[in-house]
Amino acid sequence: MPAKKGLAAIKIKVDANLKAIYGNKKTLKATELLKGLSDYANKHKLKTKGEGKGLAALRVKADANLKAIYGNKPEVKWFDLMKGIWKYIDKKGLR
């Protein structure tokens, strides 16, 4: 079996802030990040529509768990979700 490459090969250590979103996992695959954030936002009814159409208008209201990752922003644009979580992961050295 060939070695995994790209996102499939990246494992992320889960700290306390990420556990609040992803549950009691010790590690995550990088490919699970967006799905987990989307599931969390849906479960807690945090998705809202801003101005514009499609995904460009989609926002996620930041509750206390998301503020721990994204800072004190009241909401995060859908397209900025991944950028923000990777910034957090790299800052904390969780790769």
C-alpha atoms as a PDB file:
ATOM      1  CA  MET A   1       0.000   0.000   0.000  1.00  0.00           C
ATOM      2  CA  PRO A   2       1.499   3.399  -0.959  1.00  0.00           C
ATOM      3  CA  ALA A   3       2.285   5.935   1.747  1.00  0.00           C
ATOM      4  CA  LYS A   4      -0.345   8.610   2.342  1.00  0.00           C
ATOM      5  CA  LYS A   5       0.448  12.019   0.915  1.00  0.00           C
ATOM      6  CA  GLY A   6      -0.971  15.494   1.306  1.00  0.00           C
ATOM      7  CA  LEU A   7      -3.712  16.221   3.843  1.00  0.00           C
ATOM      8  CA  ALA A   8      -4.382  12.535   4.454  1.00  0.00           C
ATOM      9  CA  ALA A   9      -0.883  12.166   5.931  1.00  0.00           C
ATOM     10  CA  ILE A  10      -1.221  15.033   8.432  1.00  0.00           C
ATOM     11  CA  LYS A  11      -2.188  14.095  11.981  1.00  0.00           C
ATOM     12  CA  ILE A  12      -3.235  16.774  14.439  1.00  0.00           C
ATOM     13  CA  LYS A  13      -2.956  16.433  18.200  1.00  0.00           C
ATOM     14  CA  VAL A  14      -6.183  17.414  19.947  1.00  0.00           C
ATOM     15  CA  ASP A  15      -5.832  19.826  22.865  1.00  0.00           C
ATOM     16  CA  ALA A  16      -8.578  20.888  25.304  1.00  0.00           C
ATOM     17  CA  ASN A  17      -9.934  23.607  23.002  1.00  0.00           C
ATOM     18  CA  LEU A  18     -10.204  21.243  20.043  1.00  0.00           C
ATOM     19  CA  LYS A  19     -11.803  18.539  22.228  1.00  0.00           C
ATOM     20  CA  ALA A  20     -14.682  20.927  22.934  1.00  0.00           C
ATOM     21  CA  ILE A  21     -15.439  20.859  19.194  1.00  0.00           C
ATOM     22  CA  TYR A  22     -14.270  17.432  18.027  1.00  0.00           C
ATOM     23  CA  GLY A  23     -14.909  15.303  21.099  1.00  0.00           C
ATOM     24  CA  ASN A  24     -12.554  13.019  22.999  1.00  0.00           C
ATOM     25  CA  LYS A  25     -10.201  12.121  20.166  1.00  0.00           C
ATOM     26  CA  LYS A  26      -6.457  12.106  20.742  1.00  0.00           C
ATOM     27  CA  THR A  27      -5.643  12.888  17.114  1.00  0.00           C
ATOM     28  CA  LEU A  28      -7.498  14.086  14.021  1.00  0.00           C
ATOM     29  CA  LYS A  29      -6.791  13.681  10.358  1.00  0.00           C
ATOM     30  CA  ALA A  30      -6.460  17.019   8.599  1.00  0.00           C
ATOM     31  CA  THR A  31      -9.264  15.928   6.299  1.00  0.00           C
ATOM     32  CA  GLU A  32     -11.635  15.807   9.315  1.00  0.00           C
ATOM     33  CA  LEU A  33     -11.189  19.464  10.286  1.00  0.00           C
ATOM     34  CA  LEU A  34     -13.832  21.142   8.112  1.00  0.00           C
ATOM     35  CA  LYS A  35     -16.409  18.379   8.567  1.00  0.00           C
ATOM     36  CA  GLY A  36     -16.024  18.588  12.341  1.00  0.00           C
ATOM     37  CA  LEU A  37     -16.392  22.369  12.353  1.00  0.00           C
ATOM     38  CA  SER A  38     -19.447  22.158  10.123  1.00  0.00           C
ATOM     39  CA  ASP A  39     -21.046  19.459  12.301  1.00  0.00           C
ATOM     40  CA  TYR A  40     -20.344  21.520  15.432  1.00  0.00           C
ATOM     41  CA  ALA A  41     -21.836  24.693  13.888  1.00  0.00           C
ATOM     42  CA  ASN A  42     -24.947  22.784  12.756  1.00  0.00           C
ATOM     43  CA  LYS A  43     -25.418  21.031  16.098  1.00  0.00           C
ATOM     44  CA  HIS A  44     -25.229  24.305  18.014  1.00  0.00           C
ATOM     45  CA  LYS A  45     -27.158  26.335  15.403  1.00  0.00           C
ATOM     46  CA  LEU A  46     -24.268  28.742  14.831  1.00  0.00           C
ATOM     47  CA  LYS A  47     -24.510  29.136  11.039  1.00  0.00           C
ATOM     48  CA  THR A  48     -25.926  32.440   9.778  1.00  0.00           C
ATOM     49  CA  LYS A  49     -26.292  34.160   6.432  1.00  0.00           C
ATOM     50  CA  GLY A  50     -24.537  37.434   5.766  1.00  0.00           C
ATOM     51  CA  GLU A  51     -24.696  39.583   2.668  1.00  0.00           C
ATOM     52  CA  GLY A  52     -24.048  37.948  -0.688  1.00  0.00           C
ATOM     53  CA  LYS A  53     -24.825  34.567  -2.177  1.00  0.00           C
ATOM     54  CA  GLY A  54     -23.782  30.999  -1.517  1.00  0.00           C
ATOM     55  CA  LEU A  55     -20.869  30.066   0.699  1.00  0.00           C
ATOM     56  CA  ALA A  56     -19.450  33.597   0.463  1.00  0.00           C
ATOM     57  CA  ALA A  57     -22.393  34.780   2.586  1.00  0.00           C
ATOM     58  CA  LEU A  58     -22.208  31.983   5.153  1.00  0.00           C
ATOM     59  CA  ARG A  59     -20.948  32.910   8.623  1.00  0.00           C
ATOM     60  CA  VAL A  60     -20.461  30.968  11.836  1.00  0.00           C
ATOM     61  CA  LYS A  61     -21.272  32.711  15.116  1.00  0.00           C
ATOM     62  CA  ALA A  62     -18.452  32.162  17.579  1.00  0.00           C
ATOM     63  CA  ASP A  63     -19.492  30.661  20.889  1.00  0.00           C
ATOM     64  CA  ALA A  64     -17.044  30.315  23.791  1.00  0.00           C
ATOM     65  CA  ASN A  65     -15.451  27.171  22.316  1.00  0.00           C
ATOM     66  CA  LEU A  66     -14.848  28.769  18.922  1.00  0.00           C
ATOM     67  CA  LYS A  67     -13.566  31.995  20.488  1.00  0.00           C
ATOM     68  CA  ALA A  68     -10.830  29.945  22.159  1.00  0.00           C
ATOM     69  CA  ILE A  69      -9.589  29.081  18.664  1.00  0.00           C
ATOM     70  CA  TYR A  70     -10.501  32.139  16.592  1.00  0.00           C
ATOM     71  CA  GLY A  71      -9.996  34.862  19.193  1.00  0.00           C
ATOM     72  CA  ASN A  72     -12.765  37.163  20.317  1.00  0.00           C
ATOM     73  CA  LYS A  73     -14.375  37.515  16.899  1.00  0.00           C
ATOM     74  CA  PRO A  74     -18.192  37.455  17.165  1.00  0.00           C
ATOM     75  CA  GLU A  75     -18.406  35.476  13.914  1.00  0.00           C
ATOM     76  CA  VAL A  76     -16.147  33.856  11.324  1.00  0.00           C
ATOM     77  CA  LYS A  77     -16.665  33.842   7.571  1.00  0.00           C
ATOM     78  CA  TRP A  78     -17.081  30.335   6.180  1.00  0.00           C
ATOM     79  CA  PHE A  79     -14.005  30.718   3.971  1.00  0.00           C
ATOM     80  CA  ASP A  80     -11.913  31.815   6.958  1.00  0.00           C
ATOM     81  CA  LEU A  81     -12.735  28.762   9.092  1.00  0.00           C
ATOM     82  CA  MET A  82      -9.879  26.639   7.790  1.00  0.00           C
ATOM     83  CA  LYS A  83      -7.369  29.478   7.708  1.00  0.00           C
ATOM     84  CA  GLY A  84      -8.118  30.252  11.348  1.00  0.00           C
ATOM     85  CA  ILE A  85      -7.943  26.679  12.593  1.00  0.00           C
ATOM     86  CA  TRP A  86      -4.646  26.013  10.813  1.00  0.00           C
ATOM     87  CA  LYS A  87      -3.246  29.204  12.340  1.00  0.00           C
ATOM     88  CA  TYR A  88      -4.309  27.947  15.791  1.00  0.00           C
ATOM     89  CA  ILE A  89      -2.855  24.454  15.169  1.00  0.00           C
ATOM     90  CA  ASP A  90       0.474  25.857  14.005  1.00  0.00           C
ATOM     91  CA  LYS A  91       0.648  28.411  16.848  1.00  0.00           C
ATOM     92  CA  LYS A  92       0.094  25.640  19.417  1.00  0.00           C
ATOM     93  CA  GLY A  93       2.432  23.176  17.671  1.00  0.00           C
ATOM     94  CA  LEU A  94      -0.263  20.515  17.314  1.00  0.00           C
ATOM     95  CA  ARG A  95       0.919  19.018  14.000  1.00  0.00           C
END
